Amino acid sequence: MLFLFFSAKIEWVGLLEHHPELFEAAKKYEKFDEKTGKRFTWSEKESLDEIEARKDEIKAKFTLTPNKEKKKTLMQAVLENDEDDDGCLICML
């Protein structure tokens, strides 16, 4: 099982909708340290529970953004420029 820290929120929503069992597995890795108050989440500033609660909002925002204004995720950029089709170095570890 492989999850990536640089996934866009819309990609997490896609995982939730198409592979809910993997989404639930990813949620188990997220932690909240009660002593320090630090959160360890896959997505910056938002847990997967929070993304799940906002999935319709995230989908609507993604759908309404014109294609020319959409930014590529890091993973999309890496895969488009990968001449060997091996994926990024992080994924190969």
PDB file of N, CA and C in Angstrom:
ATOM      1  N   MET A   1       0.843  -1.175   0.000  1.00  0.00           N
ATOM      2  CA  MET A   1       0.000   0.000   0.000  1.00  0.00           C
ATOM      3  C   MET A   1       0.889   1.240   0.000  1.00  0.00           C
ATOM      4  N   LEU A   2       0.588   2.189  -0.858  1.00  0.00           N
ATOM      5  CA  LEU A   2       1.407   3.386  -0.997  1.00  0.00           C
ATOM      6  C   LEU A   2       0.514   4.618  -0.995  1.00  0.00           C
ATOM      7  N   PHE A   3       0.807   5.547  -0.103  1.00  0.00           N
ATOM      8  CA  PHE A   3       0.102   6.823  -0.060  1.00  0.00           C
ATOM      9  C   PHE A   3       1.137   7.924  -0.202  1.00  0.00           C
ATOM     10  N   LEU A   4       0.765   9.030  -0.820  1.00  0.00           N
ATOM     11  CA  LEU A   4       1.703  10.109  -1.084  1.00  0.00           C
ATOM     12  C   LEU A   4       1.307  11.385  -0.348  1.00  0.00           C
ATOM     13  N   PHE A   5       2.297  12.043   0.247  1.00  0.00           N
ATOM     14  CA  PHE A   5       2.048  13.273   0.967  1.00  0.00           C
ATOM     15  C   PHE A   5       1.673  14.430   0.049  1.00  0.00           C
ATOM     16  N   PHE A   6       2.086  14.406  -1.191  1.00  0.00           N
ATOM     17  CA  PHE A   6       1.869  15.531  -2.094  1.00  0.00           C
ATOM     18  C   PHE A   6       0.593  15.405  -2.913  1.00  0.00           C
ATOM     19  N   SER A   7      -0.313  14.539  -2.513  1.00  0.00           N
ATOM     20  CA  SER A   7      -1.574  14.384  -3.235  1.00  0.00           C
ATOM     21  C   SER A   7      -2.476  15.588  -2.994  1.00  0.00           C
ATOM     22  N   ALA A   8      -3.161  16.007  -4.041  1.00  0.00           N
ATOM     23  CA  ALA A   8      -4.116  17.117  -3.936  1.00  0.00           C
ATOM     24  C   ALA A   8      -5.379  16.614  -3.234  1.00  0.00           C
ATOM     25  N   LYS A   9      -6.123  17.530  -2.652  1.00  0.00           N
ATOM     26  CA  LYS A   9      -7.351  17.163  -1.946  1.00  0.00           C
ATOM     27  C   LYS A   9      -8.334  16.446  -2.873  1.00  0.00           C
ATOM     28  N   ILE A  10      -8.412  16.867  -4.131  1.00  0.00           N
ATOM     29  CA  ILE A  10      -9.308  16.213  -5.081  1.00  0.00           C
ATOM     30  C   ILE A  10      -8.865  14.767  -5.325  1.00  0.00           C
ATOM     31  N   GLU A  11      -7.576  14.498  -5.226  1.00  0.00           N
ATOM     32  CA  GLU A  11      -7.088  13.128  -5.386  1.00  0.00           C
ATOM     33  C   GLU A  11      -7.499  12.269  -4.195  1.00  0.00           C
ATOM     34  N   TRP A  12      -7.490  12.851  -2.992  1.00  0.00           N
ATOM     35  CA  TRP A  12      -7.969  12.116  -1.816  1.00  0.00           C
ATOM     36  C   TRP A  12      -9.462  11.832  -1.954  1.00  0.00           C
ATOM     37  N   VAL A  13     -10.224  12.792  -2.486  1.00  0.00           N
ATOM     38  CA  VAL A  13     -11.659  12.580  -2.703  1.00  0.00           C
ATOM     39  C   VAL A  13     -11.856  11.446  -3.716  1.00  0.00           C
ATOM     40  N   GLY A  14     -11.050  11.421  -4.750  1.00  0.00           N
ATOM     41  CA  GLY A  14     -11.123  10.339  -5.731  1.00  0.00           C
ATOM     42  C   GLY A  14     -10.836   8.988  -5.105  1.00  0.00           C
ATOM     43  N   LEU A  15      -9.831   8.939  -4.224  1.00  0.00           N
ATOM     44  CA  LEU A  15      -9.519   7.691  -3.529  1.00  0.00           C
ATOM     45  C   LEU A  15     -10.698   7.270  -2.658  1.00  0.00           C
ATOM     46  N   LEU A  16     -11.287   8.231  -1.949  1.00  0.00           N
ATOM     47  CA  LEU A  16     -12.459   7.959  -1.104  1.00  0.00           C
ATOM     48  C   LEU A  16     -13.595   7.365  -1.921  1.00  0.00           C
ATOM     49  N   GLU A  17     -13.859   7.936  -3.086  1.00  0.00           N
ATOM     50  CA  GLU A  17     -14.993   7.492  -3.887  1.00  0.00           C
ATOM     51  C   GLU A  17     -14.747   6.183  -4.629  1.00  0.00           C
ATOM     52  N   HIS A  18     -13.511   5.966  -5.063  1.00  0.00           N
ATOM     53  CA  HIS A  18     -13.225   4.787  -5.885  1.00  0.00           C
ATOM     54  C   HIS A  18     -12.628   3.623  -5.097  1.00  0.00           C
ATOM     55  N   HIS A  19     -11.962   3.934  -4.001  1.00  0.00           N
ATOM     56  CA  HIS A  19     -11.327   2.898  -3.179  1.00  0.00           C
ATOM     57  C   HIS A  19     -11.487   3.248  -1.694  1.00  0.00           C
ATOM     58  N   PRO A  20     -12.710   3.214  -1.191  1.00  0.00           N
ATOM     59  CA  PRO A  20     -12.949   3.639   0.197  1.00  0.00           C
ATOM     60  C   PRO A  20     -12.154   2.845   1.219  1.00  0.00           C
ATOM     61  N   GLU A  21     -11.855   1.586   0.927  1.00  0.00           N
ATOM     62  CA  GLU A  21     -11.072   0.776   1.868  1.00  0.00           C
ATOM     63  C   GLU A  21      -9.641   1.303   1.990  1.00  0.00           C
ATOM     64  N   LEU A  22      -9.065   1.787   0.899  1.00  0.00           N
ATOM     65  CA  LEU A  22      -7.718   2.372   0.949  1.00  0.00           C
ATOM     66  C   LEU A  22      -7.743   3.727   1.646  1.00  0.00           C
ATOM     67  N   PHE A  23      -8.802   4.495   1.423  1.00  0.00           N
ATOM     68  CA  PHE A  23      -8.954   5.786   2.102  1.00  0.00           C
ATOM     69  C   PHE A  23      -9.005   5.559   3.614  1.00  0.00           C
ATOM     70  N   GLU A  24      -9.768   4.568   4.052  1.00  0.00           N
ATOM     71  CA  GLU A  24      -9.865   4.259   5.485  1.00  0.00           C
ATOM     72  C   GLU A  24      -8.514   3.793   6.031  1.00  0.00           C
ATOM     73  N   ALA A  25      -7.773   3.033   5.239  1.00  0.00           N
ATOM     74  CA  ALA A  25      -6.448   2.586   5.674  1.00  0.00           C
ATOM     75  C   ALA A  25      -5.508   3.783   5.846  1.00  0.00           C
ATOM     76  N   ALA A  26      -5.580   4.747   4.934  1.00  0.00           N
ATOM     77  CA  ALA A  26      -4.729   5.944   5.024  1.00  0.00           C
ATOM     78  C   ALA A  26      -5.076   6.760   6.266  1.00  0.00           C
ATOM     79  N   LYS A  27      -6.369   6.823   6.604  1.00  0.00           N
ATOM     80  CA  LYS A  27      -6.800   7.586   7.778  1.00  0.00           C
ATOM     81  C   LYS A  27      -6.174   7.031   9.062  1.00  0.00           C
ATOM     82  N   LYS A  28      -5.916   5.747   9.107  1.00  0.00           N
ATOM     83  CA  LYS A  28      -5.356   5.124  10.312  1.00  0.00           C
ATOM     84  C   LYS A  28      -3.928   5.604  10.607  1.00  0.00           C
ATOM     85  N   TYR A  29      -3.239   6.113   9.596  1.00  0.00           N
ATOM     86  CA  TYR A  29      -1.878   6.611   9.792  1.00  0.00           C
ATOM     87  C   TYR A  29      -1.857   8.022  10.382  1.00  0.00           C
ATOM     88  N   GLU A  30      -2.948   8.750  10.254  1.00  0.00           N
ATOM     89  CA  GLU A  30      -2.998  10.115  10.770  1.00  0.00           C
ATOM     90  C   GLU A  30      -3.102  10.079  12.290  1.00  0.00           C
ATOM     91  N   LYS A  31      -2.410  11.004  12.932  1.00  0.00           N
ATOM     92  CA  LYS A  31      -2.355  11.023  14.397  1.00  0.00           C
ATOM     93  C   LYS A  31      -2.499  12.441  14.923  1.00  0.00           C
ATOM     94  N   PHE A  32      -2.982  12.526  16.161  1.00  0.00           N
ATOM     95  CA  PHE A  32      -3.033  13.786  16.893  1.00  0.00           C
ATOM     96  C   PHE A  32      -2.302  13.562  18.205  1.00  0.00           C
ATOM     97  N   ASP A  33      -1.237  14.324  18.425  1.00  0.00           N
ATOM     98  CA  ASP A  33      -0.452  14.208  19.653  1.00  0.00           C
ATOM     99  C   ASP A  33      -1.060  15.131  20.704  1.00  0.00           C
ATOM    100  N   GLU A  34      -1.724  14.549  21.681  1.00  0.00           N
ATOM    101  CA  GLU A  34      -2.411  15.342  22.705  1.00  0.00           C
ATOM    102  C   GLU A  34      -1.440  16.154  23.561  1.00  0.00           C
ATOM    103  N   LYS A  35      -0.227  15.662  23.744  1.00  0.00           N
ATOM    104  CA  LYS A  35       0.761  16.384  24.562  1.00  0.00           C
ATOM    105  C   LYS A  35       1.213  17.671  23.895  1.00  0.00           C
ATOM    106  N   THR A  36       1.508  17.589  22.606  1.00  0.00           N
ATOM    107  CA  THR A  36       2.050  18.762  21.899  1.00  0.00           C
ATOM    108  C   THR A  36       0.985  19.508  21.102  1.00  0.00           C
ATOM    109  N   GLY A  37      -0.139  18.850  20.836  1.00  0.00           N
ATOM    110  CA  GLY A  37      -1.180  19.462  20.020  1.00  0.00           C
ATOM    111  C   GLY A  37      -0.890  19.380  18.528  1.00  0.00           C
ATOM    112  N   LYS A  38       0.178  18.688  18.146  1.00  0.00           N
ATOM    113  CA  LYS A  38       0.543  18.570  16.723  1.00  0.00           C
ATOM    114  C   LYS A  38      -0.301  17.502  16.051  1.00  0.00           C
ATOM    115  N   ARG A  39      -0.634  17.811  14.803  1.00  0.00           N
ATOM    116  CA  ARG A  39      -1.368  16.868  13.971  1.00  0.00           C
ATOM    117  C   ARG A  39      -0.434  16.328  12.899  1.00  0.00           C
ATOM    118  N   PHE A  40      -0.539  15.048  12.633  1.00  0.00           N
ATOM    119  CA  PHE A  40       0.233  14.412  11.579  1.00  0.00           C
ATOM    120  C   PHE A  40      -0.764  13.902  10.548  1.00  0.00           C
ATOM    121  N   THR A  41      -0.887  14.642   9.451  1.00  0.00           N
ATOM    122  CA  THR A  41      -1.891  14.343   8.441  1.00  0.00           C
ATOM    123  C   THR A  41      -1.259  14.232   7.056  1.00  0.00           C
ATOM    124  N   TRP A  42      -1.962  13.561   6.153  1.00  0.00           N
ATOM    125  CA  TRP A  42      -1.478  13.416   4.781  1.00  0.00           C
ATOM    126  C   TRP A  42      -1.551  14.730   4.022  1.00  0.00           C
ATOM    127  N   SER A  43      -2.558  15.495   4.296  1.00  0.00           N
ATOM    128  CA  SER A  43      -2.784  16.740   3.577  1.00  0.00           C
ATOM    129  C   SER A  43      -2.496  17.915   4.503  1.00  0.00           C
ATOM    130  N   GLU A  44      -1.795  18.893   3.991  1.00  0.00           N
ATOM    131  CA  GLU A  44      -1.435  20.050   4.806  1.00  0.00           C
ATOM    132  C   GLU A  44      -2.684  20.766   5.311  1.00  0.00           C
ATOM    133  N   LYS A  45      -2.728  21.021   6.593  1.00  0.00           N
ATOM    134  CA  LYS A  45      -3.772  21.806   7.254  1.00  0.00           C
ATOM    135  C   LYS A  45      -5.127  21.121   7.350  1.00  0.00           C
ATOM    136  N   GLU A  46      -5.252  19.867   6.914  1.00  0.00           N
ATOM    137  CA  GLU A  46      -6.557  19.224   6.921  1.00  0.00           C
ATOM    138  C   GLU A  46      -6.399  17.709   7.027  1.00  0.00           C
ATOM    139  N   SER A  47      -7.158  17.112   7.922  1.00  0.00           N
ATOM    140  CA  SER A  47      -7.110  15.656   8.063  1.00  0.00           C
ATOM    141  C   SER A  47      -7.995  15.013   6.989  1.00  0.00           C
ATOM    142  N   LEU A  48      -7.835  13.712   6.813  1.00  0.00           N
ATOM    143  CA  LEU A  48      -8.675  13.005   5.849  1.00  0.00           C
ATOM    144  C   LEU A  48     -10.128  12.980   6.306  1.00  0.00           C
ATOM    145  N   ASP A  49     -10.369  12.977   7.624  1.00  0.00           N
ATOM    146  CA  ASP A  49     -11.747  13.093   8.126  1.00  0.00           C
ATOM    147  C   ASP A  49     -12.365  14.422   7.683  1.00  0.00           C
ATOM    148  N   GLU A  50     -11.582  15.492   7.754  1.00  0.00           N
ATOM    149  CA  GLU A  50     -12.067  16.814   7.349  1.00  0.00           C
ATOM    150  C   GLU A  50     -12.286  16.879   5.840  1.00  0.00           C
ATOM    151  N   ILE A  51     -11.384  16.262   5.082  1.00  0.00           N
ATOM    152  CA  ILE A  51     -11.540  16.208   3.621  1.00  0.00           C
ATOM    153  C   ILE A  51     -12.806  15.419   3.271  1.00  0.00           C
ATOM    154  N   GLU A  52     -13.018  14.316   3.969  1.00  0.00           N
ATOM    155  CA  GLU A  52     -14.218  13.505   3.730  1.00  0.00           C
ATOM    156  C   GLU A  52     -15.487  14.308   3.998  1.00  0.00           C
ATOM    157  N   ALA A  53     -15.482  15.089   5.052  1.00  0.00           N
ATOM    158  CA  ALA A  53     -16.648  15.901   5.400  1.00  0.00           C
ATOM    159  C   ALA A  53     -16.909  16.998   4.364  1.00  0.00           C
ATOM    160  N   ARG A  54     -15.840  17.459   3.685  1.00  0.00           N
ATOM    161  CA  ARG A  54     -15.957  18.546   2.696  1.00  0.00           C
ATOM    162  C   ARG A  54     -15.900  18.044   1.254  1.00  0.00           C
ATOM    163  N   LYS A  55     -16.054  16.745   1.036  1.00  0.00           N
ATOM    164  CA  LYS A  55     -15.810  16.192  -0.302  1.00  0.00           C
ATOM    165  C   LYS A  55     -16.646  16.856  -1.392  1.00  0.00           C
ATOM    166  N   ASP A  56     -17.907  17.168  -1.112  1.00  0.00           N
ATOM    167  CA  ASP A  56     -18.748  17.809  -2.132  1.00  0.00           C
ATOM    168  C   ASP A  56     -18.240  19.210  -2.464  1.00  0.00           C
ATOM    169  N   GLU A  57     -17.805  19.937  -1.457  1.00  0.00           N
ATOM    170  CA  GLU A  57     -17.241  21.283  -1.658  1.00  0.00           C
ATOM    171  C   GLU A  57     -15.955  21.215  -2.479  1.00  0.00           C
ATOM    172  N   ILE A  58     -15.107  20.244  -2.159  1.00  0.00           N
ATOM    173  CA  ILE A  58     -13.834  20.081  -2.881  1.00  0.00           C
ATOM    174  C   ILE A  58     -14.106  19.728  -4.345  1.00  0.00           C
ATOM    175  N   LYS A  59     -15.044  18.812  -4.587  1.00  0.00           N
ATOM    176  CA  LYS A  59     -15.390  18.425  -5.962  1.00  0.00           C
ATOM    177  C   LYS A  59     -15.958  19.594  -6.733  1.00  0.00           C
ATOM    178  N   ALA A  60     -16.823  20.378  -6.101  1.00  0.00           N
ATOM    179  CA  ALA A  60     -17.438  21.528  -6.775  1.00  0.00           C
ATOM    180  C   ALA A  60     -16.375  22.552  -7.148  1.00  0.00           C
ATOM    181  N   LYS A  61     -15.463  22.813  -6.252  1.00  0.00           N
ATOM    182  CA  LYS A  61     -14.403  23.786  -6.526  1.00  0.00           C
ATOM    183  C   LYS A  61     -13.527  23.307  -7.670  1.00  0.00           C
ATOM    184  N   PHE A  62     -13.194  22.040  -7.671  1.00  0.00           N
ATOM    185  CA  PHE A  62     -12.350  21.477  -8.724  1.00  0.00           C
ATOM    186  C   PHE A  62     -13.064  21.525 -10.070  1.00  0.00           C
ATOM    187  N   THR A  63     -14.345  21.224 -10.089  1.00  0.00           N
ATOM    188  CA  THR A  63     -15.129  21.203 -11.325  1.00  0.00           C
ATOM    189  C   THR A  63     -15.317  22.596 -11.902  1.00  0.00           C
ATOM    190  N   LEU A  64     -15.459  23.590 -11.039  1.00  0.00           N
ATOM    191  CA  LEU A  64     -15.711  24.956 -11.497  1.00  0.00           C
ATOM    192  C   LEU A  64     -14.457  25.691 -11.967  1.00  0.00           C
ATOM    193  N   THR A  65     -13.289  25.180 -11.636  1.00  0.00           N
ATOM    194  CA  THR A  65     -12.044  25.831 -12.031  1.00  0.00           C
ATOM    195  C   THR A  65     -11.766  25.536 -13.499  1.00  0.00           C
ATOM    196  N   PRO A  66     -11.638  26.571 -14.336  1.00  0.00           N
ATOM    197  CA  PRO A  66     -11.325  26.335 -15.754  1.00  0.00           C
ATOM    198  C   PRO A  66     -10.025  25.550 -15.898  1.00  0.00           C
ATOM    199  N   ASN A  67      -9.977  24.662 -16.896  1.00  0.00           N
ATOM    200  CA  ASN A  67      -8.814  23.795 -17.096  1.00  0.00           C
ATOM    201  C   ASN A  67      -7.508  24.566 -17.179  1.00  0.00           C
ATOM    202  N   LYS A  68      -7.501  25.711 -17.843  1.00  0.00           N
ATOM    203  CA  LYS A  68      -6.250  26.441 -18.001  1.00  0.00           C
ATOM    204  C   LYS A  68      -5.741  27.001 -16.677  1.00  0.00           C
ATOM    205  N   GLU A  69      -6.621  27.115 -15.681  1.00  0.00           N
ATOM    206  CA  GLU A  69      -6.213  27.648 -14.384  1.00  0.00           C
ATOM    207  C   GLU A  69      -5.857  26.553 -13.387  1.00  0.00           C
ATOM    208  N   LYS A  70      -6.167  25.314 -13.704  1.00  0.00           N
ATOM    209  CA  LYS A  70      -5.868  24.227 -12.779  1.00  0.00           C
ATOM    210  C   LYS A  70      -4.368  23.997 -12.732  1.00  0.00           C
ATOM    211  N   LYS A  71      -3.862  23.882 -11.531  1.00  0.00           N
ATOM    212  CA  LYS A  71      -2.440  23.590 -11.369  1.00  0.00           C
ATOM    213  C   LYS A  71      -2.251  22.084 -11.331  1.00  0.00           C
ATOM    214  N   LYS A  72      -1.160  21.644 -11.900  1.00  0.00           N
ATOM    215  CA  LYS A  72      -0.842  20.226 -11.839  1.00  0.00           C
ATOM    216  C   LYS A  72      -0.310  19.909 -10.451  1.00  0.00           C
ATOM    217  N   THR A  73      -0.645  18.724  -9.976  1.00  0.00           N
ATOM    218  CA  THR A  73      -0.066  18.286  -8.721  1.00  0.00           C
ATOM    219  C   THR A  73       1.381  17.888  -8.993  1.00  0.00           C
ATOM    220  N   LEU A  74       2.153  17.808  -7.946  1.00  0.00           N
ATOM    221  CA  LEU A  74       3.548  17.400  -8.087  1.00  0.00           C
ATOM    222  C   LEU A  74       3.633  16.037  -8.760  1.00  0.00           C
ATOM    223  N   MET A  75       2.767  15.112  -8.354  1.00  0.00           N
ATOM    224  CA  MET A  75       2.805  13.772  -8.928  1.00  0.00           C
ATOM    225  C   MET A  75       2.490  13.798 -10.420  1.00  0.00           C
ATOM    226  N   GLN A  76       1.515  14.599 -10.847  1.00  0.00           N
ATOM    227  CA  GLN A  76       1.197  14.698 -12.272  1.00  0.00           C
ATOM    228  C   GLN A  76       2.397  15.216 -13.047  1.00  0.00           C
ATOM    229  N   ALA A  77       3.053  16.226 -12.526  1.00  0.00           N
ATOM    230  CA  ALA A  77       4.218  16.796 -13.206  1.00  0.00           C
ATOM    231  C   ALA A  77       5.343  15.779 -13.306  1.00  0.00           C
ATOM    232  N   VAL A  78       5.572  15.041 -12.246  1.00  0.00           N
ATOM    233  CA  VAL A  78       6.643  14.034 -12.249  1.00  0.00           C
ATOM    234  C   VAL A  78       6.341  12.956 -13.266  1.00  0.00           C
ATOM    235  N   LEU A  79       5.129  12.453 -13.262  1.00  0.00           N
ATOM    236  CA  LEU A  79       4.780  11.358 -14.168  1.00  0.00           C
ATOM    237  C   LEU A  79       4.790  11.794 -15.627  1.00  0.00           C
ATOM    238  N   GLU A  80       4.406  13.031 -15.917  1.00  0.00           N
ATOM    239  CA  GLU A  80       4.423  13.515 -17.295  1.00  0.00           C
ATOM    240  C   GLU A  80       5.842  13.676 -17.821  1.00  0.00           C
ATOM    241  N   ASN A  81       6.789  13.917 -16.939  1.00  0.00           N
ATOM    242  CA  ASN A  81       8.173  14.135 -17.351  1.00  0.00           C
ATOM    243  C   ASN A  81       9.041  12.909 -17.139  1.00  0.00           C
ATOM    244  N   ASP A  82       8.469  11.793 -16.811  1.00  0.00           N
ATOM    245  CA  ASP A  82       9.231  10.576 -16.551  1.00  0.00           C
ATOM    246  C   ASP A  82       9.407   9.806 -17.855  1.00  0.00           C
ATOM    247  N   GLU A  83      10.588   9.878 -18.414  1.00  0.00           N
ATOM    248  CA  GLU A  83      10.852   9.225 -19.693  1.00  0.00           C
ATOM    249  C   GLU A  83      10.910   7.708 -19.573  1.00  0.00           C
ATOM    250  N   ASP A  84      11.262   7.199 -18.383  1.00  0.00           N
ATOM    251  CA  ASP A  84      11.402   5.759 -18.200  1.00  0.00           C
ATOM    252  C   ASP A  84      10.134   5.101 -17.675  1.00  0.00           C
ATOM    253  N   ASP A  85       9.117   5.879 -17.358  1.00  0.00           N
ATOM    254  CA  ASP A  85       7.866   5.378 -16.778  1.00  0.00           C
ATOM    255  C   ASP A  85       8.096   4.605 -15.476  1.00  0.00           C
ATOM    256  N   ASP A  86       9.129   4.985 -14.731  1.00  0.00           N
ATOM    257  CA  ASP A  86       9.428   4.309 -13.480  1.00  0.00           C
ATOM    258  C   ASP A  86       8.775   4.985 -12.275  1.00  0.00           C
ATOM    259  N   GLY A  87       8.210   6.165 -12.417  1.00  0.00           N
ATOM    260  CA  GLY A  87       7.679   6.894 -11.282  1.00  0.00           C
ATOM    261  C   GLY A  87       8.785   7.710 -10.639  1.00  0.00           C
ATOM    262  N   CYS A  88       8.445   8.429  -9.603  1.00  0.00           N
ATOM    263  CA  CYS A  88       9.434   9.294  -8.960  1.00  0.00           C
ATOM    264  C   CYS A  88      10.342   8.501  -8.036  1.00  0.00           C
ATOM    265  N   LEU A  89      11.445   9.090  -7.647  1.00  0.00           N
ATOM    266  CA  LEU A  89      12.397   8.395  -6.789  1.00  0.00           C
ATOM    267  C   LEU A  89      11.791   8.037  -5.440  1.00  0.00           C
ATOM    268  N   ILE A  90      10.949   8.906  -4.908  1.00  0.00           N
ATOM    269  CA  ILE A  90      10.320   8.622  -3.623  1.00  0.00           C
ATOM    270  C   ILE A  90       9.499   7.338  -3.718  1.00  0.00           C
ATOM    271  N   CYS A  91       8.751   7.176  -4.800  1.00  0.00           N
ATOM    272  CA  CYS A  91       7.919   5.974  -4.962  1.00  0.00           C
ATOM    273  C   CYS A  91       8.746   4.721  -5.158  1.00  0.00           C
ATOM    274  N   MET A  92       9.968   4.880  -5.612  1.00  0.00           N
ATOM    275  CA  MET A  92      10.818   3.721  -5.884  1.00  0.00           C
ATOM    276  C   MET A  92      11.534   3.218  -4.641  1.00  0.00           C
ATOM    277  N   LEU A  93      11.482   3.963  -3.530  1.00  0.00           N
ATOM    278  CA  LEU A  93      12.168   3.530  -2.313  1.00  0.00           C
ATOM    279  C   LEU A  93      11.531   2.313  -1.715  1.00  0.00           C
TER     280      LEU A  93
END
